[in-house]
């Protein structure tokens, strides 16, 4: 289901044959990929079940290759359940902010080195 959604949204106007053949995506080529995932259970449990590898495959490998993206970072939040304490949520939001800042700083450095 997730792959279908991604294909329809990111691949709009880009044929499935082009995705299969890994043609370079006209709008996304070279853009940096920053993935965020969450789960209701712990990462060690996901790893034991093989689900962690699945998350990384769909959110990192598939997206990167299918749409000609450059890998940046994958941030995962585990044990996301009802009733989280506000401090826990704030810590995760801070992690998102820091990841975005690192990505933007890297893009700024790359842009500056080209000029």
PDB file of N, CA and C in Angstrom:
ATOM      1  N   UNK A   1       0.819  -1.173   0.000  1.00  0.00           N
ATOM      2  CA  UNK A   1       0.000   0.000   0.000  1.00  0.00           C
ATOM      3  C   UNK A   1       0.875   1.252   0.000  1.00  0.00           C
ATOM      4  N   UNK A   2       1.910   1.252   0.831  1.00  0.00           N
ATOM      5  CA  UNK A   2       2.800   2.417   0.911  1.00  0.00           C
ATOM      6  C   UNK A   2       3.501   2.650  -0.425  1.00  0.00           C
ATOM      7  N   UNK A   3       3.993   1.595  -1.033  1.00  0.00           N
ATOM      8  CA  UNK A   3       4.673   1.729  -2.316  1.00  0.00           C
ATOM      9  C   UNK A   3       3.729   2.305  -3.367  1.00  0.00           C
ATOM     10  N   UNK A   4       2.489   1.840  -3.391  1.00  0.00           N
ATOM     11  CA  UNK A   4       1.510   2.357  -4.339  1.00  0.00           C
ATOM     12  C   UNK A   4       1.267   3.841  -4.150  1.00  0.00           C
ATOM     13  N   UNK A   5       1.142   4.261  -2.899  1.00  0.00           N
ATOM     14  CA  UNK A   5       0.943   5.683  -2.598  1.00  0.00           C
ATOM     15  C   UNK A   5       2.137   6.502  -3.084  1.00  0.00           C
ATOM     16  N   UNK A   6       3.318   6.031  -2.756  1.00  0.00           N
ATOM     17  CA  UNK A   6       4.538   6.746  -3.158  1.00  0.00           C
ATOM     18  C   UNK A   6       4.626   6.828  -4.675  1.00  0.00           C
ATOM     19  N   UNK A   7       4.349   5.734  -5.348  1.00  0.00           N
ATOM     20  CA  UNK A   7       4.395   5.735  -6.814  1.00  0.00           C
ATOM     21  C   UNK A   7       3.417   6.751  -7.397  1.00  0.00           C
ATOM     22  N   UNK A   8       2.213   6.807  -6.846  1.00  0.00           N
ATOM     23  CA  UNK A   8       1.204   7.728  -7.380  1.00  0.00           C
ATOM     24  C   UNK A   8       1.521   9.180  -7.053  1.00  0.00           C
ATOM     25  N   UNK A   9       2.060   9.461  -5.875  1.00  0.00           N
ATOM     26  CA  UNK A   9       2.319  10.845  -5.474  1.00  0.00           C
ATOM     27  C   UNK A   9       3.635  11.347  -6.059  1.00  0.00           C
ATOM     28  N   UNK A  10       4.737  10.682  -5.767  1.00  0.00           N
ATOM     29  CA  UNK A  10       6.035  11.126  -6.291  1.00  0.00           C
ATOM     30  C   UNK A  10       6.153  10.862  -7.788  1.00  0.00           C
ATOM     31  N   UNK A  11       5.496   9.813  -8.240  1.00  0.00           N
ATOM     32  CA  UNK A  11       5.636   9.425  -9.633  1.00  0.00           C
ATOM     33  C   UNK A  11       4.600  10.047 -10.552  1.00  0.00           C
ATOM     34  N   UNK A  12       3.804  10.979 -10.061  1.00  0.00           N
ATOM     35  CA  UNK A  12       2.787  11.619 -10.904  1.00  0.00           C
ATOM     36  C   UNK A  12       3.462  12.233 -12.129  1.00  0.00           C
ATOM     37  N   UNK A  13       2.993  11.850 -13.302  1.00  0.00           N
ATOM     38  CA  UNK A  13       3.574  12.364 -14.544  1.00  0.00           C
ATOM     39  C   UNK A  13       4.854  11.657 -14.945  1.00  0.00           C
ATOM     40  N   UNK A  14       5.217  10.620 -14.223  1.00  0.00           N
ATOM     41  CA  UNK A  14       6.435   9.860 -14.479  1.00  0.00           C
ATOM     42  C   UNK A  14       5.999   8.410 -14.600  1.00  0.00           C
ATOM     43  N   UNK A  15       6.234   7.781 -15.739  1.00  0.00           N
ATOM     44  CA  UNK A  15       5.661   6.468 -16.011  1.00  0.00           C
ATOM     45  C   UNK A  15       6.232   5.365 -15.120  1.00  0.00           C
ATOM     46  N   UNK A  16       5.427   4.329 -14.937  1.00  0.00           N
ATOM     47  CA  UNK A  16       5.891   3.176 -14.165  1.00  0.00           C
ATOM     48  C   UNK A  16       7.068   2.504 -14.870  1.00  0.00           C
ATOM     49  N   UNK A  17       7.075   2.542 -16.191  1.00  0.00           N
ATOM     50  CA  UNK A  17       8.213   1.987 -16.937  1.00  0.00           C
ATOM     51  C   UNK A  17       9.478   2.769 -16.589  1.00  0.00           C
ATOM     52  N   UNK A  18       9.367   4.081 -16.510  1.00  0.00           N
ATOM     53  CA  UNK A  18      10.523   4.909 -16.153  1.00  0.00           C
ATOM     54  C   UNK A  18      10.993   4.581 -14.735  1.00  0.00           C
ATOM     55  N   UNK A  19      10.028   4.357 -13.818  1.00  0.00           N
ATOM     56  CA  UNK A  19      10.409   3.966 -12.454  1.00  0.00           C
ATOM     57  C   UNK A  19      11.140   2.632 -12.473  1.00  0.00           C
ATOM     58  N   UNK A  20      10.570   1.671 -13.204  1.00  0.00           N
ATOM     59  CA  UNK A  20      11.170   0.334 -13.281  1.00  0.00           C
ATOM     60  C   UNK A  20      12.568   0.392 -13.875  1.00  0.00           C
ATOM     61  N   UNK A  21      12.715   1.187 -14.932  1.00  0.00           N
ATOM     62  CA  UNK A  21      13.997   1.285 -15.627  1.00  0.00           C
ATOM     63  C   UNK A  21      14.974   2.237 -14.945  1.00  0.00           C
ATOM     64  N   UNK A  22      14.506   2.835 -13.836  1.00  0.00           N
ATOM     65  CA  UNK A  22      15.326   3.768 -13.058  1.00  0.00           C
ATOM     66  C   UNK A  22      15.817   4.949 -13.882  1.00  0.00           C
ATOM     67  N   UNK A  23      14.931   5.424 -14.756  1.00  0.00           N
ATOM     68  CA  UNK A  23      15.246   6.661 -15.467  1.00  0.00           C
ATOM     69  C   UNK A  23      15.338   7.779 -14.440  1.00  0.00           C
ATOM     70  N   UNK A  24      16.086   8.774 -14.752  1.00  0.00           N
ATOM     71  CA  UNK A  24      16.227   9.890 -13.823  1.00  0.00           C
ATOM     72  C   UNK A  24      14.916  10.669 -13.773  1.00  0.00           C
ATOM     73  N   UNK A  25      14.454  10.943 -12.564  1.00  0.00           N
ATOM     74  CA  UNK A  25      13.198  11.664 -12.378  1.00  0.00           C
ATOM     75  C   UNK A  25      13.410  13.131 -12.725  1.00  0.00           C
ATOM     76  N   UNK A  26      12.540  13.709 -13.553  1.00  0.00           N
ATOM     77  CA  UNK A  26      12.769  15.073 -14.037  1.00  0.00           C
ATOM     78  C   UNK A  26      12.735  16.149 -12.951  1.00  0.00           C
ATOM     79  N   UNK A  27      12.029  15.917 -11.847  1.00  0.00           N
ATOM     80  CA  UNK A  27      11.920  16.958 -10.824  1.00  0.00           C
ATOM     81  C   UNK A  27      12.685  16.645  -9.547  1.00  0.00           C
ATOM     82  N   UNK A  28      12.947  15.380  -9.289  1.00  0.00           N
ATOM     83  CA  UNK A  28      13.536  14.992  -8.007  1.00  0.00           C
ATOM     84  C   UNK A  28      15.011  14.616  -8.083  1.00  0.00           C
ATOM     85  N   UNK A  29      15.556  14.461  -9.277  1.00  0.00           N
ATOM     86  CA  UNK A  29      16.943  14.031  -9.417  1.00  0.00           C
ATOM     87  C   UNK A  29      17.883  14.920  -8.617  1.00  0.00           C
ATOM     88  N   UNK A  30      18.670  14.272  -7.770  1.00  0.00           N
ATOM     89  CA  UNK A  30      19.682  14.981  -6.992  1.00  0.00           C
ATOM     90  C   UNK A  30      19.183  15.631  -5.717  1.00  0.00           C
ATOM     91  N   UNK A  31      17.880  15.635  -5.481  1.00  0.00           N
ATOM     92  CA  UNK A  31      17.350  16.213  -4.245  1.00  0.00           C
ATOM     93  C   UNK A  31      17.712  15.292  -3.091  1.00  0.00           C
ATOM     94  N   UNK A  32      17.903  15.867  -1.918  1.00  0.00           N
ATOM     95  CA  UNK A  32      18.287  15.094  -0.736  1.00  0.00           C
ATOM     96  C   UNK A  32      17.062  14.490  -0.068  1.00  0.00           C
ATOM     97  N   UNK A  33      17.182  13.243   0.380  1.00  0.00           N
ATOM     98  CA  UNK A  33      16.093  12.522   1.028  1.00  0.00           C
ATOM     99  C   UNK A  33      16.328  12.482   2.533  1.00  0.00           C
ATOM    100  N   UNK A  34      15.386  13.005   3.280  1.00  0.00           N
ATOM    101  CA  UNK A  34      15.404  12.943   4.736  1.00  0.00           C
ATOM    102  C   UNK A  34      14.145  12.194   5.147  1.00  0.00           C
ATOM    103  N   UNK A  35      14.300  10.971   5.655  1.00  0.00           N
ATOM    104  CA  UNK A  35      13.158  10.109   5.994  1.00  0.00           C
ATOM    105  C   UNK A  35      12.883  10.151   7.485  1.00  0.00           C
ATOM    106  N   UNK A  36      11.604  10.195   7.822  1.00  0.00           N
ATOM    107  CA  UNK A  36      11.167  10.063   9.210  1.00  0.00           C
ATOM    108  C   UNK A  36      10.164   8.924   9.262  1.00  0.00           C
ATOM    109  N   UNK A  37      10.382   7.989  10.163  1.00  0.00           N
ATOM    110  CA  UNK A  37       9.436   6.908  10.377  1.00  0.00           C
ATOM    111  C   UNK A  37       9.156   6.789  11.869  1.00  0.00           C
ATOM    112  N   UNK A  38       8.046   6.154  12.181  1.00  0.00           N
ATOM    113  CA  UNK A  38       7.721   5.917  13.586  1.00  0.00           C
ATOM    114  C   UNK A  38       7.062   4.546  13.706  1.00  0.00           C
ATOM    115  N   UNK A  39       7.114   4.019  14.908  1.00  0.00           N
ATOM    116  CA  UNK A  39       6.470   2.734  15.180  1.00  0.00           C
ATOM    117  C   UNK A  39       5.949   2.734  16.611  1.00  0.00           C
ATOM    118  N   UNK A  40       4.995   1.895  16.848  1.00  0.00           N
ATOM    119  CA  UNK A  40       4.424   1.782  18.183  1.00  0.00           C
ATOM    120  C   UNK A  40       5.219   0.853  19.084  1.00  0.00           C
ATOM    121  N   UNK A  41       6.207   0.203  18.526  1.00  0.00           N
ATOM    122  CA  UNK A  41       7.017  -0.743  19.300  1.00  0.00           C
ATOM    123  C   UNK A  41       8.475  -0.320  19.259  1.00  0.00           C
ATOM    124  N   UNK A  42       9.327  -1.072  19.917  1.00  0.00           N
ATOM    125  CA  UNK A  42      10.743  -0.704  20.000  1.00  0.00           C
ATOM    126  C   UNK A  42      11.507  -1.106  18.735  1.00  0.00           C
ATOM    127  N   UNK A  43      12.584  -0.418  18.498  1.00  0.00           N
ATOM    128  CA  UNK A  43      13.406  -0.754  17.334  1.00  0.00           C
ATOM    129  C   UNK A  43      13.988  -2.168  17.442  1.00  0.00           C
ATOM    130  N   UNK A  44      14.476  -2.591  18.625  1.00  0.00           N
ATOM    131  CA  UNK A  44      14.964  -3.978  18.716  1.00  0.00           C
ATOM    132  C   UNK A  44      13.905  -5.007  18.302  1.00  0.00           C
ATOM    133  N   UNK A  45      12.637  -4.787  18.670  1.00  0.00           N
ATOM    134  CA  UNK A  45      11.583  -5.711  18.258  1.00  0.00           C
ATOM    135  C   UNK A  45      11.405  -5.674  16.744  1.00  0.00           C
ATOM    136  N   UNK A  46      11.419  -4.461  16.161  1.00  0.00           N
ATOM    137  CA  UNK A  46      11.324  -4.337  14.704  1.00  0.00           C
ATOM    138  C   UNK A  46      12.455  -5.101  14.023  1.00  0.00           C
ATOM    139  N   UNK A  47      13.656  -4.988  14.573  1.00  0.00           N
ATOM    140  CA  UNK A  47      14.801  -5.692  13.994  1.00  0.00           C
ATOM    141  C   UNK A  47      14.618  -7.197  14.085  1.00  0.00           C
ATOM    142  N   UNK A  48      14.148  -7.688  15.224  1.00  0.00           N
ATOM    143  CA  UNK A  48      13.916  -9.128  15.396  1.00  0.00           C
ATOM    144  C   UNK A  48      12.908  -9.655  14.381  1.00  0.00           C
ATOM    145  N   UNK A  49      11.903  -8.873  14.061  1.00  0.00           N
ATOM    146  CA  UNK A  49      10.840  -9.281  13.147  1.00  0.00           C
ATOM    147  C   UNK A  49      11.181  -9.057  11.675  1.00  0.00           C
ATOM    148  N   UNK A  50      12.287  -8.376  11.419  1.00  0.00           N
ATOM    149  CA  UNK A  50      12.657  -8.055  10.048  1.00  0.00           C
ATOM    150  C   UNK A  50      11.964  -6.802   9.519  1.00  0.00           C
ATOM    151  N   UNK A  51      11.172  -6.162  10.360  1.00  0.00           N
ATOM    152  CA  UNK A  51      10.424  -4.978   9.932  1.00  0.00           C
ATOM    153  C   UNK A  51      11.325  -3.761   9.772  1.00  0.00           C
ATOM    154  N   UNK A  52      12.383  -3.660  10.558  1.00  0.00           N
ATOM    155  CA  UNK A  52      13.293  -2.516  10.445  1.00  0.00           C
ATOM    156  C   UNK A  52      13.918  -2.480   9.053  1.00  0.00           C
ATOM    157  N   UNK A  53      14.346  -3.611   8.577  1.00  0.00           N
ATOM    158  CA  UNK A  53      14.926  -3.685   7.240  1.00  0.00           C
ATOM    159  C   UNK A  53      13.890  -3.276   6.187  1.00  0.00           C
ATOM    160  N   UNK A  54      12.642  -3.669   6.387  1.00  0.00           N
ATOM    161  CA  UNK A  54      11.580  -3.279   5.454  1.00  0.00           C
ATOM    162  C   UNK A  54      11.382  -1.770   5.438  1.00  0.00           C
ATOM    163  N   UNK A  55      11.362  -1.149   6.606  1.00  0.00           N
ATOM    164  CA  UNK A  55      11.224   0.311   6.678  1.00  0.00           C
ATOM    165  C   UNK A  55      12.361   1.002   5.939  1.00  0.00           C
ATOM    166  N   UNK A  56      13.573   0.563   6.201  1.00  0.00           N
ATOM    167  CA  UNK A  56      14.729   1.169   5.544  1.00  0.00           C
ATOM    168  C   UNK A  56      14.696   0.929   4.035  1.00  0.00           C
ATOM    169  N   UNK A  57      14.257  -0.252   3.635  1.00  0.00           N
ATOM    170  CA  UNK A  57      14.205  -0.553   2.210  1.00  0.00           C
ATOM    171  C   UNK A  57      13.222   0.361   1.491  1.00  0.00           C
ATOM    172  N   UNK A  58      12.013   0.508   2.022  1.00  0.00           N
ATOM    173  CA  UNK A  58      11.012   1.323   1.326  1.00  0.00           C
ATOM    174  C   UNK A  58      11.314   2.810   1.453  1.00  0.00           C
ATOM    175  N   UNK A  59      11.736   3.265   2.621  1.00  0.00           N
ATOM    176  CA  UNK A  59      11.920   4.697   2.812  1.00  0.00           C
ATOM    177  C   UNK A  59      13.286   5.203   2.372  1.00  0.00           C
ATOM    178  N   UNK A  60      14.247   4.350   2.312  1.00  0.00           N
ATOM    179  CA  UNK A  60      15.578   4.808   1.911  1.00  0.00           C
ATOM    180  C   UNK A  60      15.942   4.288   0.526  1.00  0.00           C
ATOM    181  N   UNK A  61      16.059   2.997   0.390  1.00  0.00           N
ATOM    182  CA  UNK A  61      16.520   2.418  -0.874  1.00  0.00           C
ATOM    183  C   UNK A  61      15.541   2.649  -2.022  1.00  0.00           C
ATOM    184  N   UNK A  62      14.270   2.268  -1.825  1.00  0.00           N
ATOM    185  CA  UNK A  62      13.313   2.379  -2.918  1.00  0.00           C
ATOM    186  C   UNK A  62      13.125   3.838  -3.345  1.00  0.00           C
ATOM    187  N   UNK A  63      12.857   4.712  -2.403  1.00  0.00           N
ATOM    188  CA  UNK A  63      12.639   6.123  -2.759  1.00  0.00           C
ATOM    189  C   UNK A  63      13.867   6.722  -3.434  1.00  0.00           C
ATOM    190  N   UNK A  64      15.023   6.424  -2.883  1.00  0.00           N
ATOM    191  CA  UNK A  64      16.261   6.981  -3.440  1.00  0.00           C
ATOM    192  C   UNK A  64      16.476   6.518  -4.868  1.00  0.00           C
ATOM    193  N   UNK A  65      16.362   5.238  -5.113  1.00  0.00           N
ATOM    194  CA  UNK A  65      16.618   4.711  -6.450  1.00  0.00           C
ATOM    195  C   UNK A  65      15.504   5.054  -7.433  1.00  0.00           C
ATOM    196  N   UNK A  66      14.251   4.906  -7.017  1.00  0.00           N
ATOM    197  CA  UNK A  66      13.136   5.123  -7.936  1.00  0.00           C
ATOM    198  C   UNK A  66      13.051   6.559  -8.411  1.00  0.00           C
ATOM    199  N   UNK A  67      13.399   7.500  -7.552  1.00  0.00           N
ATOM    200  CA  UNK A  67      13.206   8.900  -7.899  1.00  0.00           C
ATOM    201  C   UNK A  67      14.513   9.689  -8.009  1.00  0.00           C
ATOM    202  N   UNK A  68      15.628   8.995  -8.132  1.00  0.00           N
ATOM    203  CA  UNK A  68      16.933   9.623  -8.371  1.00  0.00           C
ATOM    204  C   UNK A  68      17.323  10.594  -7.258  1.00  0.00           C
ATOM    205  N   UNK A  69      16.977  10.243  -6.037  1.00  0.00           N
ATOM    206  CA  UNK A  69      17.289  11.092  -4.889  1.00  0.00           C
ATOM    207  C   UNK A  69      18.659  10.755  -4.329  1.00  0.00           C
ATOM    208  N   UNK A  70      19.220  11.681  -3.584  1.00  0.00           N
ATOM    209  CA  UNK A  70      20.451  11.425  -2.843  1.00  0.00           C
ATOM    210  C   UNK A  70      20.065  11.127  -1.400  1.00  0.00           C
ATOM    211  N   UNK A  71      20.698  10.147  -0.805  1.00  0.00           N
ATOM    212  CA  UNK A  71      20.407   9.810   0.587  1.00  0.00           C
ATOM    213  C   UNK A  71      20.901  10.928   1.495  1.00  0.00           C
ATOM    214  N   UNK A  72      20.157  11.186   2.539  1.00  0.00           N
ATOM    215  CA  UNK A  72      20.579  12.178   3.515  1.00  0.00           C
ATOM    216  C   UNK A  72      20.610  11.527   4.893  1.00  0.00           C
ATOM    217  N   UNK A  73      19.442  11.233   5.423  1.00  0.00           N
ATOM    218  CA  UNK A  73      19.379  10.697   6.778  1.00  0.00           C
ATOM    219  C   UNK A  73      18.033  10.011   6.975  1.00  0.00           C
ATOM    220  N   UNK A  74      18.007   9.025   7.854  1.00  0.00           N
ATOM    221  CA  UNK A  74      16.762   8.354   8.233  1.00  0.00           C
ATOM    222  C   UNK A  74      16.648   8.473   9.750  1.00  0.00           C
ATOM    223  N   UNK A  75      15.573   9.083  10.216  1.00  0.00           N
ATOM    224  CA  UNK A  75      15.323   9.242  11.645  1.00  0.00           C
ATOM    225  C   UNK A  75      14.090   8.419  11.994  1.00  0.00           C
ATOM    226  N   UNK A  76      14.241   7.537  12.969  1.00  0.00           N
ATOM    227  CA  UNK A  76      13.115   6.695  13.381  1.00  0.00           C
ATOM    228  C   UNK A  76      12.775   6.973  14.837  1.00  0.00           C
ATOM    229  N   UNK A  77      11.485   7.076  15.099  1.00  0.00           N
ATOM    230  CA  UNK A  77      10.986   7.245  16.460  1.00  0.00           C
ATOM    231  C   UNK A  77      10.235   5.980  16.827  1.00  0.00           C
ATOM    232  N   UNK A  78      10.683   5.319  17.876  1.00  0.00           N
ATOM    233  CA  UNK A  78      10.005   4.088  18.266  1.00  0.00           C
ATOM    234  C   UNK A  78       9.190   4.296  19.536  1.00  0.00           C
ATOM    235  N   UNK A  79       8.386   3.315  19.841  1.00  0.00           N
ATOM    236  CA  UNK A  79       7.520   3.331  21.025  1.00  0.00           C
ATOM    237  C   UNK A  79       6.593   4.545  21.043  1.00  0.00           C
ATOM    238  N   UNK A  80       6.040   4.879  19.889  1.00  0.00           N
ATOM    239  CA  UNK A  80       5.082   5.977  19.787  1.00  0.00           C
ATOM    240  C   UNK A  80       3.692   5.395  20.053  1.00  0.00           C
ATOM    241  N   UNK A  81       3.168   5.693  21.206  1.00  0.00           N
ATOM    242  CA  UNK A  81       1.884   5.143  21.635  1.00  0.00           C
ATOM    243  C   UNK A  81       1.011   6.259  22.218  1.00  0.00           C
ATOM    244  N   UNK A  82      -0.275   5.967  22.391  1.00  0.00           N
ATOM    245  CA  UNK A  82      -1.175   6.933  23.022  1.00  0.00           C
ATOM    246  C   UNK A  82      -0.659   7.294  24.411  1.00  0.00           C
ATOM    247  N   UNK A  83      -0.879   8.536  24.788  1.00  0.00           N
ATOM    248  CA  UNK A  83      -0.537   8.965  26.134  1.00  0.00           C
ATOM    249  C   UNK A  83       0.921   9.341  26.344  1.00  0.00           C
ATOM    250  N   UNK A  84       1.647   9.626  25.261  1.00  0.00           N
ATOM    251  CA  UNK A  84       3.044  10.033  25.430  1.00  0.00           C
ATOM    252  C   UNK A  84       3.124  11.309  26.261  1.00  0.00           C
ATOM    253  N   UNK A  85       4.100  11.381  27.096  1.00  0.00           N
ATOM    254  CA  UNK A  85       4.301  12.592  27.893  1.00  0.00           C
ATOM    255  C   UNK A  85       4.765  13.720  26.971  1.00  0.00           C
ATOM    256  N   UNK A  86       4.312  14.944  27.241  1.00  0.00           N
ATOM    257  CA  UNK A  86       4.701  16.079  26.394  1.00  0.00           C
ATOM    258  C   UNK A  86       6.219  16.218  26.228  1.00  0.00           C
ATOM    259  N   UNK A  87       6.973  15.932  27.262  1.00  0.00           N
ATOM    260  CA  UNK A  87       8.436  16.024  27.177  1.00  0.00           C
ATOM    261  C   UNK A  87       8.980  15.089  26.094  1.00  0.00           C
ATOM    262  N   UNK A  88       8.413  13.886  26.014  1.00  0.00           N
ATOM    263  CA  UNK A  88       8.833  12.895  25.029  1.00  0.00           C
ATOM    264  C   UNK A  88       8.548  13.410  23.611  1.00  0.00           C
ATOM    265  N   UNK A  89       7.359  13.978  23.419  1.00  0.00           N
ATOM    266  CA  UNK A  89       6.985  14.534  22.119  1.00  0.00           C
ATOM    267  C   UNK A  89       7.912  15.702  21.766  1.00  0.00           C
ATOM    268  N   UNK A  90       8.164  16.576  22.726  1.00  0.00           N
ATOM    269  CA  UNK A  90       9.049  17.728  22.493  1.00  0.00           C
ATOM    270  C   UNK A  90      10.459  17.274  22.108  1.00  0.00           C
ATOM    271  N   UNK A  91      10.961  16.228  22.740  1.00  0.00           N
ATOM    272  CA  UNK A  91      12.285  15.699  22.395  1.00  0.00           C
ATOM    273  C   UNK A  91      12.306  15.214  20.944  1.00  0.00           C
ATOM    274  N   UNK A  92      11.259  14.539  20.524  1.00  0.00           N
ATOM    275  CA  UNK A  92      11.198  14.052  19.145  1.00  0.00           C
ATOM    276  C   UNK A  92      11.097  15.209  18.152  1.00  0.00           C
ATOM    277  N   UNK A  93      10.302  16.215  18.482  1.00  0.00           N
ATOM    278  CA  UNK A  93      10.207  17.382  17.607  1.00  0.00           C
ATOM    279  C   UNK A  93      11.548  18.101  17.510  1.00  0.00           C
ATOM    280  N   UNK A  94      12.281  18.137  18.605  1.00  0.00           N
ATOM    281  CA  UNK A  94      13.622  18.729  18.577  1.00  0.00           C
ATOM    282  C   UNK A  94      14.542  17.918  17.663  1.00  0.00           C
ATOM    283  N   UNK A  95      14.425  16.605  17.703  1.00  0.00           N
ATOM    284  CA  UNK A  95      15.215  15.747  16.828  1.00  0.00           C
ATOM    285  C   UNK A  95      14.888  16.027  15.361  1.00  0.00           C
ATOM    286  N   UNK A  96      13.605  16.208  15.050  1.00  0.00           N
ATOM    287  CA  UNK A  96      13.198  16.548  13.682  1.00  0.00           C
ATOM    288  C   UNK A  96      13.821  17.883  13.274  1.00  0.00           C
ATOM    289  N   UNK A  97      13.738  18.862  14.150  1.00  0.00           N
ATOM    290  CA  UNK A  97      14.305  20.183  13.854  1.00  0.00           C
ATOM    291  C   UNK A  97      15.807  20.088  13.603  1.00  0.00           C
ATOM    292  N   UNK A  98      16.510  19.338  14.427  1.00  0.00           N
ATOM    293  CA  UNK A  98      17.956  19.209  14.260  1.00  0.00           C
ATOM    294  C   UNK A  98      18.312  18.505  12.943  1.00  0.00           C
ATOM    295  N   UNK A  99      17.578  17.484  12.583  1.00  0.00           N
ATOM    296  CA  UNK A  99      17.829  16.783  11.322  1.00  0.00           C
ATOM    297  C   UNK A  99      17.604  17.731  10.147  1.00  0.00           C
ATOM    298  N   UNK A 100      16.546  18.517  10.208  1.00  0.00           N
ATOM    299  CA  UNK A 100      16.267  19.489   9.138  1.00  0.00           C
ATOM    300  C   UNK A 100      17.371  20.543   9.071  1.00  0.00           C
ATOM    301  N   UNK A 101      17.839  21.000  10.214  1.00  0.00           N
ATOM    302  CA  UNK A 101      18.927  21.990  10.236  1.00  0.00           C
ATOM    303  C   UNK A 101      20.210  21.412   9.628  1.00  0.00           C
ATOM    304  N   UNK A 102      20.530  20.151   9.956  1.00  0.00           N
ATOM    305  CA  UNK A 102      21.734  19.517   9.383  1.00  0.00           C
ATOM    306  C   UNK A 102      21.612  19.425   7.868  1.00  0.00           C
ATOM    307  N   UNK A 103      20.430  19.029   7.406  1.00  0.00           N
ATOM    308  CA  UNK A 103      20.220  18.916   5.971  1.00  0.00           C
ATOM    309  C   UNK A 103      20.364  20.281   5.299  1.00  0.00           C
ATOM    310  N   UNK A 104      19.736  21.294   5.857  1.00  0.00           N
ATOM    311  CA  UNK A 104      19.808  22.638   5.267  1.00  0.00           C
ATOM    312  C   UNK A 104      21.230  23.192   5.308  1.00  0.00           C
ATOM    313  N   UNK A 105      21.947  22.949   6.380  1.00  0.00           N
ATOM    314  CA  UNK A 105      23.330  23.409   6.475  1.00  0.00           C
ATOM    315  C   UNK A 105      24.188  22.725   5.412  1.00  0.00           C
ATOM    316  N   UNK A 106      23.957  21.440   5.206  1.00  0.00           N
ATOM    317  CA  UNK A 106      24.698  20.720   4.173  1.00  0.00           C
ATOM    318  C   UNK A 106      24.392  21.253   2.786  1.00  0.00           C
ATOM    319  N   UNK A 107      23.135  21.571   2.533  1.00  0.00           N
ATOM    320  CA  UNK A 107      22.763  22.138   1.241  1.00  0.00           C
ATOM    321  C   UNK A 107      23.397  23.517   1.048  1.00  0.00           C
ATOM    322  N   UNK A 108      23.427  24.313   2.105  1.00  0.00           N
ATOM    323  CA  UNK A 108      24.039  25.645   2.026  1.00  0.00           C
ATOM    324  C   UNK A 108      25.544  25.521   1.740  1.00  0.00           C
ATOM    325  N   UNK A 109      26.211  24.579   2.401  1.00  0.00           N
ATOM    326  CA  UNK A 109      27.651  24.377   2.159  1.00  0.00           C
ATOM    327  C   UNK A 109      27.890  23.941   0.724  1.00  0.00           C
ATOM    328  N   UNK A 110      27.057  23.034   0.246  1.00  0.00           N
ATOM    329  CA  UNK A 110      27.179  22.558  -1.144  1.00  0.00           C
ATOM    330  C   UNK A 110      26.981  23.692  -2.138  1.00  0.00           C
ATOM    331  N   UNK A 111      25.986  24.510  -1.875  1.00  0.00           N
ATOM    332  CA  UNK A 111      25.707  25.633  -2.761  1.00  0.00           C
ATOM    333  C   UNK A 111      26.855  26.638  -2.744  1.00  0.00           C
ATOM    334  N   UNK A 112      27.403  26.910  -1.571  1.00  0.00           N
ATOM    335  CA  UNK A 112      28.503  27.872  -1.438  1.00  0.00           C
ATOM    336  C   UNK A 112      29.758  27.356  -2.144  1.00  0.00           C
ATOM    337  N   UNK A 113      29.996  26.052  -2.086  1.00  0.00           N
ATOM    338  CA  UNK A 113      31.200  25.508  -2.714  1.00  0.00           C
ATOM    339  C   UNK A 113      31.115  25.532  -4.241  1.00  0.00           C
ATOM    340  N   UNK A 114      29.902  25.606  -4.774  1.00  0.00           N
ATOM    341  CA  UNK A 114      29.724  25.667  -6.230  1.00  0.00           C
ATOM    342  C   UNK A 114      29.964  27.068  -6.774  1.00  0.00           C
ATOM    343  N   UNK A 115      29.854  28.065  -5.914  1.00  0.00           N
ATOM    344  CA  UNK A 115      29.967  29.450  -6.397  1.00  0.00           C
ATOM    345  C   UNK A 115      31.294  30.041  -6.091  1.00  0.00           C
TER     346      UNK A 115
END
